[in-house]
Amino acid sequence: MTTPIPTRFSERQTQDIDRLVAAGVGTSRSDVVRQAVDQFVDSIRRALGGEAIAESYRQVPQGPEDDAAALANAIAMTEAEPW
């Protein structure tokens, strides 16, 4: 089920949406707008997640013991490759 949300777009925005439909990005104006909302929400979710990770490192900074573990893991993963 979908919910209609009345909104207005500028002439430029409408032309941009129409160009995307013509290029096959979406099947209709509504489809293009839904895809845009999904991508926007995903980018915000990712940015907030990244900020949460960065904040955790600010609260508990990485130490030398973490560097050693990261290097050991990188070496082990590289050696496990079948090249």
PDB file of N, CA and C in Angstrom:
ATOM      1  N   MET A   1       0.833  -1.170   0.000  1.00  0.00           N
ATOM      2  CA  MET A   1       0.000   0.000   0.000  1.00  0.00           C
ATOM      3  C   MET A   1       0.886   1.245   0.000  1.00  0.00           C
ATOM      4  N   THR A   2       0.524   2.219  -0.756  1.00  0.00           N
ATOM      5  CA  THR A   2       1.268   3.473  -0.783  1.00  0.00           C
ATOM      6  C   THR A   2       0.371   4.607  -0.297  1.00  0.00           C
ATOM      7  N   THR A   3       1.015   5.668   0.151  1.00  0.00           N
ATOM      8  CA  THR A   3       0.300   6.843   0.629  1.00  0.00           C
ATOM      9  C   THR A   3       0.648   8.026  -0.252  1.00  0.00           C
ATOM     10  N   PRO A   4      -0.336   8.659  -0.857  1.00  0.00           N
ATOM     11  CA  PRO A   4      -0.032   9.832  -1.661  1.00  0.00           C
ATOM     12  C   PRO A   4       0.419  10.990  -0.781  1.00  0.00           C
ATOM     13  N   ILE A   5       1.468  11.680  -1.234  1.00  0.00           N
ATOM     14  CA  ILE A   5       1.972  12.855  -0.528  1.00  0.00           C
ATOM     15  C   ILE A   5       2.026  13.996  -1.539  1.00  0.00           C
ATOM     16  N   PRO A   6       1.053  14.877  -1.481  1.00  0.00           N
ATOM     17  CA  PRO A   6       1.068  15.992  -2.436  1.00  0.00           C
ATOM     18  C   PRO A   6       2.296  16.871  -2.221  1.00  0.00           C
ATOM     19  N   THR A   7       2.939  17.227  -3.297  1.00  0.00           N
ATOM     20  CA  THR A   7       4.103  18.100  -3.214  1.00  0.00           C
ATOM     21  C   THR A   7       4.217  18.893  -4.501  1.00  0.00           C
ATOM     22  N   ARG A   8       5.031  19.899  -4.481  1.00  0.00           N
ATOM     23  CA  ARG A   8       5.233  20.720  -5.676  1.00  0.00           C
ATOM     24  C   ARG A   8       6.724  20.740  -6.006  1.00  0.00           C
ATOM     25  N   PHE A   9       7.002  20.717  -7.301  1.00  0.00           N
ATOM     26  CA  PHE A   9       8.370  20.788  -7.779  1.00  0.00           C
ATOM     27  C   PHE A   9       8.515  22.001  -8.680  1.00  0.00           C
ATOM     28  N   SER A  10       9.713  22.563  -8.694  1.00  0.00           N
ATOM     29  CA  SER A  10       9.977  23.672  -9.611  1.00  0.00           C
ATOM     30  C   SER A  10      10.001  23.137 -11.042  1.00  0.00           C
ATOM     31  N   GLU A  11       9.957  24.046 -11.977  1.00  0.00           N
ATOM     32  CA  GLU A  11      10.017  23.647 -13.391  1.00  0.00           C
ATOM     33  C   GLU A  11      11.316  22.893 -13.672  1.00  0.00           C
ATOM     34  N   ARG A  12      12.429  23.370 -13.120  1.00  0.00           N
ATOM     35  CA  ARG A  12      13.717  22.695 -13.318  1.00  0.00           C
ATOM     36  C   ARG A  12      13.691  21.296 -12.744  1.00  0.00           C
ATOM     37  N   GLN A  13      13.161  21.145 -11.539  1.00  0.00           N
ATOM     38  CA  GLN A  13      13.091  19.826 -10.918  1.00  0.00           C
ATOM     39  C   GLN A  13      12.223  18.882 -11.743  1.00  0.00           C
ATOM     40  N   THR A  14      11.097  19.394 -12.229  1.00  0.00           N
ATOM     41  CA  THR A  14      10.206  18.578 -13.054  1.00  0.00           C
ATOM     42  C   THR A  14      10.907  18.139 -14.336  1.00  0.00           C
ATOM     43  N   GLN A  15      11.640  19.052 -14.951  1.00  0.00           N
ATOM     44  CA  GLN A  15      12.385  18.702 -16.162  1.00  0.00           C
ATOM     45  C   GLN A  15      13.452  17.650 -15.854  1.00  0.00           C
ATOM     46  N   ASP A  16      14.134  17.802 -14.721  1.00  0.00           N
ATOM     47  CA  ASP A  16      15.144  16.807 -14.328  1.00  0.00           C
ATOM     48  C   ASP A  16      14.503  15.435 -14.123  1.00  0.00           C
ATOM     49  N   ILE A  17      13.374  15.416 -13.448  1.00  0.00           N
ATOM     50  CA  ILE A  17      12.670  14.150 -13.220  1.00  0.00           C
ATOM     51  C   ILE A  17      12.249  13.540 -14.550  1.00  0.00           C
ATOM     52  N   ASP A  18      11.707  14.356 -15.441  1.00  0.00           N
ATOM     53  CA  ASP A  18      11.286  13.862 -16.755  1.00  0.00           C
ATOM     54  C   ASP A  18      12.461  13.313 -17.552  1.00  0.00           C
ATOM     55  N   ARG A  19      13.633  13.969 -17.445  1.00  0.00           N
ATOM     56  CA  ARG A  19      14.821  13.458 -18.139  1.00  0.00           C
ATOM     57  C   ARG A  19      15.229  12.091 -17.587  1.00  0.00           C
ATOM     58  N   LEU A  20      15.110  11.924 -16.285  1.00  0.00           N
ATOM     59  CA  LEU A  20      15.444  10.623 -15.686  1.00  0.00           C
ATOM     60  C   LEU A  20      14.481   9.539 -16.156  1.00  0.00           C
ATOM     61  N   VAL A  21      13.205   9.874 -16.252  1.00  0.00           N
ATOM     62  CA  VAL A  21      12.223   8.914 -16.765  1.00  0.00           C
ATOM     63  C   VAL A  21      12.561   8.564 -18.214  1.00  0.00           C
ATOM     64  N   ALA A  22      12.857   9.591 -19.020  1.00  0.00           N
ATOM     65  CA  ALA A  22      13.198   9.355 -20.433  1.00  0.00           C
ATOM     66  C   ALA A  22      14.454   8.503 -20.579  1.00  0.00           C
ATOM     67  N   ALA A  23      15.377   8.638 -19.637  1.00  0.00           N
ATOM     68  CA  ALA A  23      16.623   7.854 -19.682  1.00  0.00           C
ATOM     69  C   ALA A  23      16.435   6.441 -19.143  1.00  0.00           C
ATOM     70  N   GLY A  24      15.236   6.150 -18.639  1.00  0.00           N
ATOM     71  CA  GLY A  24      14.966   4.798 -18.144  1.00  0.00           C
ATOM     72  C   GLY A  24      15.363   4.569 -16.703  1.00  0.00           C
ATOM     73  N   VAL A  25      15.694   5.646 -15.999  1.00  0.00           N
ATOM     74  CA  VAL A  25      16.064   5.507 -14.584  1.00  0.00           C
ATOM     75  C   VAL A  25      14.869   5.038 -13.773  1.00  0.00           C
ATOM     76  N   GLY A  26      13.700   5.512 -14.135  1.00  0.00           N
ATOM     77  CA  GLY A  26      12.464   5.101 -13.488  1.00  0.00           C
ATOM     78  C   GLY A  26      11.379   4.963 -14.530  1.00  0.00           C
ATOM     79  N   THR A  27      10.305   4.312 -14.161  1.00  0.00           N
ATOM     80  CA  THR A  27       9.219   4.085 -15.118  1.00  0.00           C
ATOM     81  C   THR A  27       8.221   5.238 -15.143  1.00  0.00           C
ATOM     82  N   SER A  28       8.288   6.107 -14.138  1.00  0.00           N
ATOM     83  CA  SER A  28       7.371   7.241 -14.044  1.00  0.00           C
ATOM     84  C   SER A  28       7.996   8.305 -13.143  1.00  0.00           C
ATOM     85  N   ARG A  29       7.373   9.451 -13.104  1.00  0.00           N
ATOM     86  CA  ARG A  29       7.839  10.492 -12.191  1.00  0.00           C
ATOM     87  C   ARG A  29       7.799   9.983 -10.750  1.00  0.00           C
ATOM     88  N   SER A  30       6.709   9.345 -10.401  1.00  0.00           N
ATOM     89  CA  SER A  30       6.578   8.828  -9.029  1.00  0.00           C
ATOM     90  C   SER A  30       7.680   7.828  -8.703  1.00  0.00           C
ATOM     91  N   ASP A  31       7.994   6.970  -9.669  1.00  0.00           N
ATOM     92  CA  ASP A  31       9.048   5.977  -9.454  1.00  0.00           C
ATOM     93  C   ASP A  31      10.389   6.658  -9.223  1.00  0.00           C
ATOM     94  N   VAL A  32      10.698   7.684 -10.001  1.00  0.00           N
ATOM     95  CA  VAL A  32      11.953   8.420  -9.836  1.00  0.00           C
ATOM     96  C   VAL A  32      11.999   9.077  -8.463  1.00  0.00           C
ATOM     97  N   VAL A  33      10.899   9.706  -8.052  1.00  0.00           N
ATOM     98  CA  VAL A  33      10.869  10.374  -6.743  1.00  0.00           C
ATOM     99  C   VAL A  33      11.014   9.344  -5.622  1.00  0.00           C
ATOM    100  N   ARG A  34      10.354   8.198  -5.729  1.00  0.00           N
ATOM    101  CA  ARG A  34      10.505   7.154  -4.692  1.00  0.00           C
ATOM    102  C   ARG A  34      11.945   6.671  -4.611  1.00  0.00           C
ATOM    103  N   GLN A  35      12.583   6.462  -5.766  1.00  0.00           N
ATOM    104  CA  GLN A  35      13.986   6.033  -5.763  1.00  0.00           C
ATOM    105  C   GLN A  35      14.872   7.096  -5.107  1.00  0.00           C
ATOM    106  N   ALA A  36      14.596   8.361  -5.410  1.00  0.00           N
ATOM    107  CA  ALA A  36      15.388   9.447  -4.832  1.00  0.00           C
ATOM    108  C   ALA A  36      15.245   9.469  -3.315  1.00  0.00           C
ATOM    109  N   VAL A  37      14.024   9.291  -2.825  1.00  0.00           N
ATOM    110  CA  VAL A  37      13.798   9.274  -1.375  1.00  0.00           C
ATOM    111  C   VAL A  37      14.538   8.093  -0.753  1.00  0.00           C
ATOM    112  N   ASP A  38      14.433   6.922  -1.368  1.00  0.00           N
ATOM    113  CA  ASP A  38      15.133   5.743  -0.837  1.00  0.00           C
ATOM    114  C   ASP A  38      16.642   5.984  -0.764  1.00  0.00           C
ATOM    115  N   GLN A  39      17.211   6.556  -1.816  1.00  0.00           N
ATOM    116  CA  GLN A  39      18.656   6.810  -1.829  1.00  0.00           C
ATOM    117  C   GLN A  39      19.046   7.870  -0.807  1.00  0.00           C
ATOM    118  N   PHE A  40      18.217   8.876  -0.643  1.00  0.00           N
ATOM    119  CA  PHE A  40      18.491   9.922   0.342  1.00  0.00           C
ATOM    120  C   PHE A  40      18.457   9.350   1.752  1.00  0.00           C
ATOM    121  N   VAL A  41      17.428   8.574   2.051  1.00  0.00           N
ATOM    122  CA  VAL A  41      17.315   7.964   3.378  1.00  0.00           C
ATOM    123  C   VAL A  41      18.513   7.045   3.640  1.00  0.00           C
ATOM    124  N   ASP A  42      18.907   6.266   2.641  1.00  0.00           N
ATOM    125  CA  ASP A  42      20.056   5.379   2.799  1.00  0.00           C
ATOM    126  C   ASP A  42      21.328   6.173   3.052  1.00  0.00           C
ATOM    127  N   SER A  43      21.531   7.284   2.335  1.00  0.00           N
ATOM    128  CA  SER A  43      22.754   8.073   2.534  1.00  0.00           C
ATOM    129  C   SER A  43      22.776   8.695   3.932  1.00  0.00           C
ATOM    130  N   ILE A  44      21.632   9.141   4.428  1.00  0.00           N
ATOM    131  CA  ILE A  44      21.571   9.693   5.785  1.00  0.00           C
ATOM    132  C   ILE A  44      21.841   8.600   6.809  1.00  0.00           C
ATOM    133  N   ARG A  45      21.240   7.437   6.616  1.00  0.00           N
ATOM    134  CA  ARG A  45      21.458   6.307   7.535  1.00  0.00           C
ATOM    135  C   ARG A  45      22.939   5.943   7.592  1.00  0.00           C
ATOM    136  N   ARG A  46      23.585   5.901   6.429  1.00  0.00           N
ATOM    137  CA  ARG A  46      25.015   5.571   6.373  1.00  0.00           C
ATOM    138  C   ARG A  46      25.857   6.653   7.051  1.00  0.00           C
ATOM    139  N   ALA A  47      25.503   7.913   6.808  1.00  0.00           N
ATOM    140  CA  ALA A  47      26.254   9.018   7.423  1.00  0.00           C
ATOM    141  C   ALA A  47      26.132   8.970   8.943  1.00  0.00           C
ATOM    142  N   LEU A  48      24.933   8.707   9.438  1.00  0.00           N
ATOM    143  CA  LEU A  48      24.737   8.618  10.890  1.00  0.00           C
ATOM    144  C   LEU A  48      25.492   7.429  11.473  1.00  0.00           C
ATOM    145  N   GLY A  49      25.491   6.317  10.758  1.00  0.00           N
ATOM    146  CA  GLY A  49      26.250   5.155  11.211  1.00  0.00           C
ATOM    147  C   GLY A  49      27.739   5.437  11.237  1.00  0.00           C
ATOM    148  N   GLY A  50      28.231   6.103  10.201  1.00  0.00           N
ATOM    149  CA  GLY A  50      29.644   6.469  10.148  1.00  0.00           C
ATOM    150  C   GLY A  50      30.013   7.415  11.276  1.00  0.00           C
ATOM    151  N   GLU A  51      29.130   8.356  11.563  1.00  0.00           N
ATOM    152  CA  GLU A  51      29.384   9.295  12.659  1.00  0.00           C
ATOM    153  C   GLU A  51      29.407   8.559  13.999  1.00  0.00           C
ATOM    154  N   ALA A  52      28.528   7.576  14.166  1.00  0.00           N
ATOM    155  CA  ALA A  52      28.516   6.797  15.409  1.00  0.00           C
ATOM    156  C   ALA A  52      29.820   6.020  15.571  1.00  0.00           C
ATOM    157  N   ILE A  53      30.320   5.461  14.478  1.00  0.00           N
ATOM    158  CA  ILE A  53      31.600   4.736  14.531  1.00  0.00           C
ATOM    159  C   ILE A  53      32.730   5.700  14.868  1.00  0.00           C
ATOM    160  N   ALA A  54      32.756   6.857  14.205  1.00  0.00           N
ATOM    161  CA  ALA A  54      33.798   7.846  14.475  1.00  0.00           C
ATOM    162  C   ALA A  54      33.751   8.307  15.923  1.00  0.00           C
ATOM    163  N   GLU A  55      32.555   8.536  16.443  1.00  0.00           N
ATOM    164  CA  GLU A  55      32.409   8.967  17.839  1.00  0.00           C
ATOM    165  C   GLU A  55      32.914   7.894  18.794  1.00  0.00           C
ATOM    166  N   SER A  56      32.681   6.630  18.478  1.00  0.00           N
ATOM    167  CA  SER A  56      33.176   5.562  19.350  1.00  0.00           C
ATOM    168  C   SER A  56      34.705   5.551  19.376  1.00  0.00           C
ATOM    169  N   TYR A  57      35.335   5.844  18.229  1.00  0.00           N
ATOM    170  CA  TYR A  57      36.800   5.922  18.209  1.00  0.00           C
ATOM    171  C   TYR A  57      37.305   7.163  18.943  1.00  0.00           C
ATOM    172  N   ARG A  58      36.521   8.246  18.930  1.00  0.00           N
ATOM    173  CA  ARG A  58      36.921   9.423  19.702  1.00  0.00           C
ATOM    174  C   ARG A  58      36.843   9.133  21.197  1.00  0.00           C
ATOM    175  N   GLN A  59      35.851   8.358  21.608  1.00  0.00           N
ATOM    176  CA  GLN A  59      35.693   8.030  23.026  1.00  0.00           C
ATOM    177  C   GLN A  59      36.718   6.999  23.483  1.00  0.00           C
ATOM    178  N   VAL A  60      37.007   6.021  22.624  1.00  0.00           N
ATOM    179  CA  VAL A  60      37.985   4.979  22.943  1.00  0.00           C
ATOM    180  C   VAL A  60      38.944   4.890  21.758  1.00  0.00           C
ATOM    181  N   PRO A  61      39.993   5.712  21.767  1.00  0.00           N
ATOM    182  CA  PRO A  61      40.918   5.739  20.625  1.00  0.00           C
ATOM    183  C   PRO A  61      41.625   4.398  20.424  1.00  0.00           C
ATOM    184  N   GLN A  62      41.971   4.160  19.184  1.00  0.00           N
ATOM    185  CA  GLN A  62      42.705   2.957  18.833  1.00  0.00           C
ATOM    186  C   GLN A  62      44.113   3.061  19.402  1.00  0.00           C
ATOM    187  N   GLY A  63      44.611   1.963  19.952  1.00  0.00           N
ATOM    188  CA  GLY A  63      45.947   1.937  20.530  1.00  0.00           C
ATOM    189  C   GLY A  63      46.894   1.073  19.727  1.00  0.00           C
ATOM    190  N   PRO A  64      48.168   1.044  20.123  1.00  0.00           N
ATOM    191  CA  PRO A  64      49.176   0.251  19.399  1.00  0.00           C
ATOM    192  C   PRO A  64      48.828  -1.229  19.327  1.00  0.00           C
ATOM    193  N   GLU A  65      48.191  -1.747  20.379  1.00  0.00           N
ATOM    194  CA  GLU A  65      47.825  -3.172  20.358  1.00  0.00           C
ATOM    195  C   GLU A  65      46.792  -3.450  19.265  1.00  0.00           C
ATOM    196  N   ASP A  66      45.942  -2.463  18.973  1.00  0.00           N
ATOM    197  CA  ASP A  66      44.970  -2.615  17.900  1.00  0.00           C
ATOM    198  C   ASP A  66      45.663  -2.627  16.542  1.00  0.00           C
ATOM    199  N   ASP A  67      46.703  -1.808  16.392  1.00  0.00           N
ATOM    200  CA  ASP A  67      47.455  -1.780  15.142  1.00  0.00           C
ATOM    201  C   ASP A  67      48.101  -3.134  14.876  1.00  0.00           C
ATOM    202  N   ALA A  68      48.667  -3.728  15.897  1.00  0.00           N
ATOM    203  CA  ALA A  68      49.316  -5.029  15.748  1.00  0.00           C
ATOM    204  C   ALA A  68      48.302  -6.094  15.340  1.00  0.00           C
ATOM    205  N   ALA A  69      47.126  -6.075  15.963  1.00  0.00           N
ATOM    206  CA  ALA A  69      46.086  -7.053  15.631  1.00  0.00           C
ATOM    207  C   ALA A  69      45.600  -6.851  14.195  1.00  0.00           C
ATOM    208  N   ALA A  70      45.415  -5.597  13.783  1.00  0.00           N
ATOM    209  CA  ALA A  70      44.962  -5.307  12.423  1.00  0.00           C
ATOM    210  C   ALA A  70      45.988  -5.783  11.398  1.00  0.00           C
ATOM    211  N   LEU A  71      47.264  -5.561  11.667  1.00  0.00           N
ATOM    212  CA  LEU A  71      48.312  -6.004  10.753  1.00  0.00           C
ATOM    213  C   LEU A  71      48.345  -7.528  10.671  1.00  0.00           C
ATOM    214  N   ALA A  72      48.229  -8.199  11.805  1.00  0.00           N
ATOM    215  CA  ALA A  72      48.233  -9.667  11.811  1.00  0.00           C
ATOM    216  C   ALA A  72      47.041 -10.208  11.017  1.00  0.00           C
ATOM    217  N   ASN A  73      45.877  -9.594  11.189  1.00  0.00           N
ATOM    218  CA  ASN A  73      44.697 -10.031  10.437  1.00  0.00           C
ATOM    219  C   ASN A  73      44.874  -9.798   8.939  1.00  0.00           C
ATOM    220  N   ALA A  74      45.445  -8.667   8.568  1.00  0.00           N
ATOM    221  CA  ALA A  74      45.671  -8.364   7.156  1.00  0.00           C
ATOM    222  C   ALA A  74      46.628  -9.372   6.535  1.00  0.00           C
ATOM    223  N   ILE A  75      47.673  -9.715   7.258  1.00  0.00           N
ATOM    224  CA  ILE A  75      48.641 -10.706   6.758  1.00  0.00           C
ATOM    225  C   ILE A  75      47.973 -12.062   6.608  1.00  0.00           C
ATOM    226  N   ALA A  76      47.188 -12.453   7.600  1.00  0.00           N
ATOM    227  CA  ALA A  76      46.516 -13.752   7.555  1.00  0.00           C
ATOM    228  C   ALA A  76      45.528 -13.822   6.389  1.00  0.00           C
ATOM    229  N   MET A  77      44.778 -12.763   6.159  1.00  0.00           N
ATOM    230  CA  MET A  77      43.817 -12.769   5.050  1.00  0.00           C
ATOM    231  C   MET A  77      44.532 -12.811   3.706  1.00  0.00           C
ATOM    232  N   THR A  78      45.649 -12.091   3.599  1.00  0.00           N
ATOM    233  CA  THR A  78      46.413 -12.088   2.353  1.00  0.00           C
ATOM    234  C   THR A  78      47.006 -13.474   2.092  1.00  0.00           C
ATOM    235  N   GLU A  79      47.524 -14.095   3.117  1.00  0.00           N
ATOM    236  CA  GLU A  79      48.119 -15.434   2.946  1.00  0.00           C
ATOM    237  C   GLU A  79      47.065 -16.487   2.649  1.00  0.00           C
ATOM    238  N   ALA A  80      45.832 -16.253   3.075  1.00  0.00           N
ATOM    239  CA  ALA A  80      44.757 -17.221   2.832  1.00  0.00           C
ATOM    240  C   ALA A  80      44.222 -17.155   1.399  1.00  0.00           C
ATOM    241  N   GLU A  81      44.570 -16.103   0.679  1.00  0.00           N
ATOM    242  CA  GLU A  81      44.107 -15.970  -0.714  1.00  0.00           C
ATOM    243  C   GLU A  81      44.763 -17.028  -1.589  1.00  0.00           C
ATOM    244  N   PRO A  82      43.997 -17.566  -2.537  1.00  0.00           N
ATOM    245  CA  PRO A  82      44.527 -18.652  -3.368  1.00  0.00           C
ATOM    246  C   PRO A  82      45.370 -18.189  -4.565  1.00  0.00           C
ATOM    247  N   TRP A  83      45.921 -17.003  -4.546  1.00  0.00           N
ATOM    248  CA  TRP A  83      46.684 -16.552  -5.683  1.00  0.00           C
ATOM    249  C   TRP A  83      47.938 -17.309  -5.783  1.00  0.00           C
TER     250      TRP A  83
END
